[in-house]
Amino acid sequence: QVQLVESGGGSVQAGGSLKLSCAASRYIFTNCVMGWYRQAPGKERELVSIINTDATTTYTDSVKGRFTISRDNAKNTVYLQMNSLKTEDTAVYYCAAGPCFFFQGNYWGQGTQVTVSS
């Protein structure tokens, strides 16, 4: 069973920062695209950012210049540094692994709440 263990959510005022972490097994971490998605109340889950095994990255337009995704290969952990947070960033953030060479879908973490207040 694939486990993605997330941490780092919380509440912050607009303009503040948070850093999310997601730990995976080494097999998953080295063979899958890793990423972060979010789901706000009443909205569909959306891609925030992904990082490939070669460390190339993709961001959704609304977070470009504010969020940074990174990976620590020694710790099998992916991070999402979120700066200049806005109230519209409020959502449950999910770590995802996939696609992988052996699986084209996504494995999901349990989700962590990020709340940004004005």
N, C-alpha and C. Protein backbone atom coordinates (compact mmCIF):
# COMPACT_ATOMS: atom_id res chain seq x y z
N GLN A 1 0.84 -1.18 0.00
CA GLN A 1 0.00 0.00 0.00
C GLN A 1 0.89 1.24 0.00
N VAL A 2 0.58 2.17 -0.90
CA VAL A 2 1.37 3.39 -1.01
C VAL A 2 0.93 4.38 0.06
N GLN A 3 1.91 4.89 0.80
CA GLN A 3 1.61 5.90 1.82
C GLN A 3 2.36 7.18 1.51
N LEU A 4 1.64 8.26 1.52
CA LEU A 4 2.22 9.59 1.39
C LEU A 4 1.87 10.33 2.67
N VAL A 5 2.88 10.72 3.42
CA VAL A 5 2.65 11.32 4.73
C VAL A 5 2.93 12.82 4.64
N GLU A 6 1.87 13.59 4.82
CA GLU A 6 1.94 15.05 4.69
C GLU A 6 2.05 15.71 6.05
N SER A 7 2.64 16.89 6.05
CA SER A 7 2.67 17.71 7.26
C SER A 7 2.88 19.16 6.85
N GLY A 8 2.59 20.08 7.78
CA GLY A 8 2.92 21.47 7.57
C GLY A 8 1.77 22.40 7.31
N GLY A 9 0.54 21.91 7.25
CA GLY A 9 -0.57 22.82 7.06
C GLY A 9 -0.83 23.65 8.30
N GLY A 10 -1.78 24.56 8.18
CA GLY A 10 -2.12 25.39 9.33
C GLY A 10 -2.82 26.65 8.90
N SER A 11 -2.87 27.60 9.82
CA SER A 11 -3.54 28.88 9.58
C SER A 11 -2.52 30.00 9.58
N VAL A 12 -2.70 30.93 8.69
CA VAL A 12 -1.77 32.05 8.56
C VAL A 12 -2.53 33.26 8.02
N GLN A 13 -2.03 34.43 8.31
CA GLN A 13 -2.63 35.63 7.76
C GLN A 13 -2.15 35.86 6.32
N ALA A 14 -2.95 36.58 5.57
CA ALA A 14 -2.57 36.91 4.21
C ALA A 14 -1.20 37.58 4.18
N GLY A 15 -0.40 37.16 3.23
CA GLY A 15 0.97 37.66 3.14
C GLY A 15 1.99 36.78 3.83
N GLY A 16 1.51 35.84 4.61
CA GLY A 16 2.39 34.95 5.35
C GLY A 16 2.87 33.78 4.52
N SER A 17 3.58 32.87 5.20
CA SER A 17 4.20 31.73 4.53
C SER A 17 3.90 30.44 5.29
N LEU A 18 3.87 29.36 4.55
CA LEU A 18 3.78 28.01 5.11
C LEU A 18 4.62 27.09 4.23
N LYS A 19 5.08 25.99 4.82
CA LYS A 19 5.82 25.00 4.05
C LYS A 19 5.21 23.63 4.30
N LEU A 20 4.80 22.99 3.24
CA LEU A 20 4.23 21.65 3.31
C LEU A 20 5.30 20.62 2.99
N SER A 21 5.20 19.47 3.63
CA SER A 21 6.12 18.36 3.37
C SER A 21 5.33 17.10 3.08
N CYS A 22 5.91 16.24 2.26
CA CYS A 22 5.27 14.97 1.92
C CYS A 22 6.36 13.92 1.78
N ALA A 23 6.31 12.92 2.66
CA ALA A 23 7.30 11.83 2.63
C ALA A 23 6.71 10.60 1.96
N ALA A 24 7.51 9.96 1.14
CA ALA A 24 7.08 8.76 0.43
C ALA A 24 8.15 7.68 0.56
N SER A 25 7.80 6.49 0.13
CA SER A 25 8.81 5.43 0.09
C SER A 25 9.80 5.75 -1.00
N ARG A 26 11.00 5.17 -0.90
CA ARG A 26 12.01 5.47 -1.89
C ARG A 26 11.58 5.00 -3.29
N TYR A 27 10.91 3.87 -3.36
CA TYR A 27 10.50 3.35 -4.66
C TYR A 27 9.53 4.30 -5.35
N ILE A 28 8.58 4.79 -4.58
CA ILE A 28 7.62 5.74 -5.15
C ILE A 28 8.31 7.05 -5.51
N PHE A 29 9.15 7.51 -4.62
CA PHE A 29 9.78 8.82 -4.80
C PHE A 29 10.67 8.85 -6.03
N THR A 30 11.34 7.77 -6.32
CA THR A 30 12.29 7.77 -7.43
C THR A 30 11.67 7.35 -8.76
N ASN A 31 10.44 6.89 -8.73
CA ASN A 31 9.81 6.39 -9.95
C ASN A 31 8.54 7.12 -10.37
N CYS A 32 8.16 8.14 -9.59
CA CYS A 32 6.90 8.84 -9.86
C CYS A 32 7.11 10.35 -9.92
N VAL A 33 6.27 10.97 -10.71
CA VAL A 33 6.15 12.42 -10.60
C VAL A 33 5.51 12.72 -9.24
N MET A 34 6.03 13.70 -8.54
CA MET A 34 5.46 14.10 -7.25
C MET A 34 4.81 15.47 -7.40
N GLY A 35 3.75 15.69 -6.66
CA GLY A 35 3.10 16.98 -6.81
C GLY A 35 2.15 17.32 -5.69
N TRP A 36 1.61 18.51 -5.81
CA TRP A 36 0.63 19.02 -4.85
C TRP A 36 -0.62 19.48 -5.60
N TYR A 37 -1.76 19.10 -5.08
CA TYR A 37 -3.05 19.54 -5.57
C TYR A 37 -3.78 20.19 -4.41
N ARG A 38 -4.83 20.93 -4.71
CA ARG A 38 -5.64 21.52 -3.65
C ARG A 38 -7.10 21.50 -4.03
N GLN A 39 -7.92 21.51 -2.98
CA GLN A 39 -9.36 21.54 -3.19
C GLN A 39 -9.99 22.50 -2.19
N ALA A 40 -10.56 23.56 -2.72
CA ALA A 40 -11.26 24.54 -1.89
C ALA A 40 -12.72 24.11 -1.75
N PRO A 41 -13.41 24.59 -0.72
CA PRO A 41 -14.82 24.22 -0.53
C PRO A 41 -15.65 24.56 -1.76
N GLY A 42 -16.42 23.58 -2.22
CA GLY A 42 -17.30 23.79 -3.35
C GLY A 42 -16.62 23.81 -4.70
N LYS A 43 -15.32 23.51 -4.71
CA LYS A 43 -14.58 23.53 -5.98
C LYS A 43 -13.96 22.17 -6.25
N GLU A 44 -13.57 21.97 -7.50
CA GLU A 44 -12.90 20.73 -7.86
C GLU A 44 -11.43 20.78 -7.44
N ARG A 45 -10.87 19.61 -7.27
CA ARG A 45 -9.45 19.52 -6.97
C ARG A 45 -8.66 20.02 -8.18
N GLU A 46 -7.62 20.82 -7.89
CA GLU A 46 -6.83 21.39 -8.97
C GLU A 46 -5.34 21.17 -8.72
N LEU A 47 -4.61 21.10 -9.81
CA LEU A 47 -3.17 20.97 -9.73
C LEU A 47 -2.57 22.29 -9.23
N VAL A 48 -1.64 22.19 -8.29
CA VAL A 48 -0.89 23.36 -7.84
C VAL A 48 0.50 23.34 -8.48
N SER A 49 1.19 22.23 -8.30
CA SER A 49 2.56 22.14 -8.81
C SER A 49 2.98 20.69 -8.86
N ILE A 50 3.85 20.37 -9.84
CA ILE A 50 4.44 19.03 -9.90
C ILE A 50 5.94 19.16 -10.11
N ILE A 51 6.65 18.12 -9.68
CA ILE A 51 8.10 18.06 -9.89
C ILE A 51 8.43 16.67 -10.39
N ASN A 52 9.14 16.62 -11.49
CA ASN A 52 9.50 15.35 -12.10
C ASN A 52 10.73 14.76 -11.43
N THR A 53 11.04 13.53 -11.79
CA THR A 53 12.20 12.88 -11.20
C THR A 53 13.50 13.59 -11.58
N ASP A 54 13.48 14.33 -12.68
CA ASP A 54 14.68 15.12 -13.06
C ASP A 54 14.63 16.53 -12.49
N ALA A 55 13.67 16.78 -11.60
CA ALA A 55 13.52 18.05 -10.87
C ALA A 55 12.96 19.18 -11.71
N THR A 56 12.51 18.91 -12.91
CA THR A 56 11.80 19.95 -13.64
C THR A 56 10.43 20.16 -13.01
N THR A 57 9.96 21.38 -13.07
CA THR A 57 8.76 21.74 -12.33
C THR A 57 7.70 22.40 -13.21
N THR A 58 6.47 22.32 -12.73
CA THR A 58 5.34 22.98 -13.37
C THR A 58 4.48 23.59 -12.27
N TYR A 59 3.96 24.78 -12.55
CA TYR A 59 3.09 25.47 -11.59
C TYR A 59 1.83 25.95 -12.28
N THR A 60 0.73 25.95 -11.54
CA THR A 60 -0.44 26.60 -12.06
C THR A 60 -0.22 28.11 -12.02
N ASP A 61 -0.85 28.83 -12.93
CA ASP A 61 -0.54 30.26 -13.08
C ASP A 61 -0.76 31.06 -11.79
N SER A 62 -1.76 30.70 -11.03
CA SER A 62 -2.12 31.51 -9.87
C SER A 62 -1.08 31.47 -8.75
N VAL A 63 -0.14 30.52 -8.80
CA VAL A 63 0.86 30.42 -7.72
C VAL A 63 2.28 30.72 -8.21
N LYS A 64 2.43 30.96 -9.49
CA LYS A 64 3.77 31.23 -10.03
C LYS A 64 4.37 32.46 -9.36
N GLY A 65 5.63 32.34 -8.96
CA GLY A 65 6.31 33.44 -8.30
C GLY A 65 6.07 33.49 -6.80
N ARG A 66 5.12 32.70 -6.30
CA ARG A 66 4.84 32.69 -4.85
C ARG A 66 5.15 31.33 -4.22
N PHE A 67 4.90 30.27 -4.95
CA PHE A 67 5.11 28.91 -4.42
C PHE A 67 6.34 28.30 -5.08
N THR A 68 7.03 27.47 -4.32
CA THR A 68 8.18 26.75 -4.86
C THR A 68 8.10 25.28 -4.43
N ILE A 69 8.15 24.40 -5.40
CA ILE A 69 8.17 22.97 -5.12
C ILE A 69 9.61 22.49 -5.21
N SER A 70 9.97 21.57 -4.33
CA SER A 70 11.33 21.03 -4.34
C SER A 70 11.31 19.60 -3.83
N ARG A 71 12.40 18.89 -4.06
CA ARG A 71 12.48 17.52 -3.58
C ARG A 71 13.83 17.27 -2.95
N ASP A 72 13.83 16.50 -1.88
CA ASP A 72 15.05 16.09 -1.19
C ASP A 72 15.20 14.59 -1.41
N ASN A 73 16.09 14.23 -2.31
CA ASN A 73 16.23 12.82 -2.68
C ASN A 73 16.77 11.97 -1.53
N ALA A 74 17.51 12.57 -0.63
CA ALA A 74 18.05 11.82 0.50
C ALA A 74 16.96 11.47 1.51
N LYS A 75 15.93 12.31 1.57
CA LYS A 75 14.84 12.10 2.54
C LYS A 75 13.56 11.59 1.90
N ASN A 76 13.58 11.39 0.59
CA ASN A 76 12.38 10.94 -0.13
C ASN A 76 11.18 11.83 0.18
N THR A 77 11.43 13.11 0.18
CA THR A 77 10.43 14.09 0.60
C THR A 77 10.31 15.19 -0.43
N VAL A 78 9.08 15.59 -0.68
CA VAL A 78 8.81 16.72 -1.55
C VAL A 78 8.22 17.84 -0.70
N TYR A 79 8.57 19.06 -1.03
CA TYR A 79 8.14 20.23 -0.25
C TYR A 79 7.38 21.20 -1.15
N LEU A 80 6.52 21.97 -0.51
CA LEU A 80 5.88 23.10 -1.18
C LEU A 80 6.03 24.31 -0.27
N GLN A 81 6.92 25.21 -0.65
CA GLN A 81 7.09 26.46 0.08
C GLN A 81 6.09 27.46 -0.48
N MET A 82 5.24 27.97 0.38
CA MET A 82 4.18 28.89 -0.05
C MET A 82 4.41 30.24 0.60
N ASN A 83 4.70 31.23 -0.20
CA ASN A 83 4.93 32.59 0.27
C ASN A 83 3.84 33.52 -0.25
N SER A 84 3.75 34.68 0.36
CA SER A 84 2.76 35.69 -0.07
C SER A 84 1.37 35.08 -0.21
N LEU A 85 0.99 34.34 0.80
CA LEU A 85 -0.29 33.62 0.73
C LEU A 85 -1.46 34.58 0.65
N LYS A 86 -2.47 34.16 -0.09
CA LYS A 86 -3.68 34.93 -0.29
C LYS A 86 -4.87 34.15 0.27
N THR A 87 -5.94 34.84 0.55
CA THR A 87 -7.12 34.16 1.08
C THR A 87 -7.63 33.09 0.12
N GLU A 88 -7.44 33.33 -1.17
CA GLU A 88 -7.90 32.35 -2.17
C GLU A 88 -7.03 31.11 -2.24
N ASP A 89 -5.94 31.07 -1.50
CA ASP A 89 -5.14 29.86 -1.40
C ASP A 89 -5.70 28.89 -0.35
N THR A 90 -6.70 29.33 0.38
CA THR A 90 -7.32 28.47 1.39
C THR A 90 -7.91 27.22 0.74
N ALA A 91 -7.48 26.06 1.22
CA ALA A 91 -7.93 24.79 0.63
C ALA A 91 -7.33 23.64 1.43
N VAL A 92 -7.79 22.44 1.12
CA VAL A 92 -7.10 21.25 1.57
C VAL A 92 -6.06 20.91 0.50
N TYR A 93 -4.83 20.77 0.93
CA TYR A 93 -3.74 20.48 0.00
C TYR A 93 -3.39 19.00 0.08
N TYR A 94 -3.30 18.37 -1.09
CA TYR A 94 -3.03 16.94 -1.17
C TYR A 94 -1.70 16.70 -1.87
N CYS A 95 -0.90 15.87 -1.27
CA CYS A 95 0.29 15.37 -1.95
C CYS A 95 -0.12 14.26 -2.89
N ALA A 96 0.51 14.20 -4.04
CA ALA A 96 0.20 13.15 -5.01
C ALA A 96 1.48 12.57 -5.58
N ALA A 97 1.44 11.29 -5.85
CA ALA A 97 2.52 10.62 -6.57
C ALA A 97 1.93 10.00 -7.83
N GLY A 98 2.49 10.35 -8.96
CA GLY A 98 2.01 9.79 -10.21
C GLY A 98 1.96 10.85 -11.28
N PRO A 99 2.04 10.48 -12.54
CA PRO A 99 2.17 9.08 -12.95
C PRO A 99 3.54 8.49 -12.65
N CYS A 100 3.56 7.19 -12.57
CA CYS A 100 4.78 6.40 -12.37
C CYS A 100 4.93 5.50 -13.59
N PHE A 101 6.11 4.94 -13.77
CA PHE A 101 6.28 4.11 -14.97
C PHE A 101 5.41 2.86 -14.90
N PHE A 102 4.99 2.47 -13.69
CA PHE A 102 4.20 1.26 -13.51
C PHE A 102 2.72 1.57 -13.26
N PHE A 103 2.36 2.86 -13.20
CA PHE A 103 0.99 3.24 -12.85
C PHE A 103 0.73 4.64 -13.36
N GLN A 104 -0.30 4.81 -14.19
CA GLN A 104 -0.57 6.09 -14.81
C GLN A 104 -1.50 6.97 -14.01
N GLY A 105 -2.02 6.48 -12.91
CA GLY A 105 -2.91 7.29 -12.09
C GLY A 105 -2.14 8.03 -11.02
N ASN A 106 -2.85 8.43 -9.96
CA ASN A 106 -2.24 9.12 -8.84
C ASN A 106 -2.46 8.36 -7.54
N TYR A 107 -1.44 8.35 -6.72
CA TYR A 107 -1.61 7.97 -5.32
C TYR A 107 -1.77 9.27 -4.55
N TRP A 108 -2.58 9.24 -3.50
CA TRP A 108 -2.90 10.47 -2.77
C TRP A 108 -2.54 10.39 -1.30
N GLY A 109 -2.11 11.54 -0.76
CA GLY A 109 -1.97 11.68 0.67
C GLY A 109 -3.33 11.98 1.30
N GLN A 110 -3.32 12.13 2.62
CA GLN A 110 -4.57 12.30 3.34
C GLN A 110 -5.09 13.73 3.27
N GLY A 111 -4.26 14.66 2.89
CA GLY A 111 -4.66 16.06 2.80
C GLY A 111 -4.31 16.82 4.07
N THR A 112 -3.97 18.08 3.89
CA THR A 112 -3.67 18.95 5.02
C THR A 112 -4.31 20.31 4.76
N GLN A 113 -4.96 20.85 5.79
CA GLN A 113 -5.71 22.10 5.63
C GLN A 113 -4.76 23.30 5.68
N VAL A 114 -4.95 24.19 4.73
CA VAL A 114 -4.27 25.49 4.73
C VAL A 114 -5.36 26.56 4.75
N THR A 115 -5.32 27.40 5.76
CA THR A 115 -6.31 28.47 5.89
C THR A 115 -5.59 29.81 5.94
N VAL A 116 -5.95 30.70 5.03
CA VAL A 116 -5.35 32.02 4.97
C VAL A 116 -6.43 33.04 5.28
N SER A 117 -6.22 33.82 6.31
CA SER A 117 -7.21 34.81 6.73
C SER A 117 -6.74 36.21 6.36
N SER A 118 -7.71 37.09 6.20
CA SER A 118 -7.38 38.47 5.80
C SER A 118 -7.12 39.35 7.01
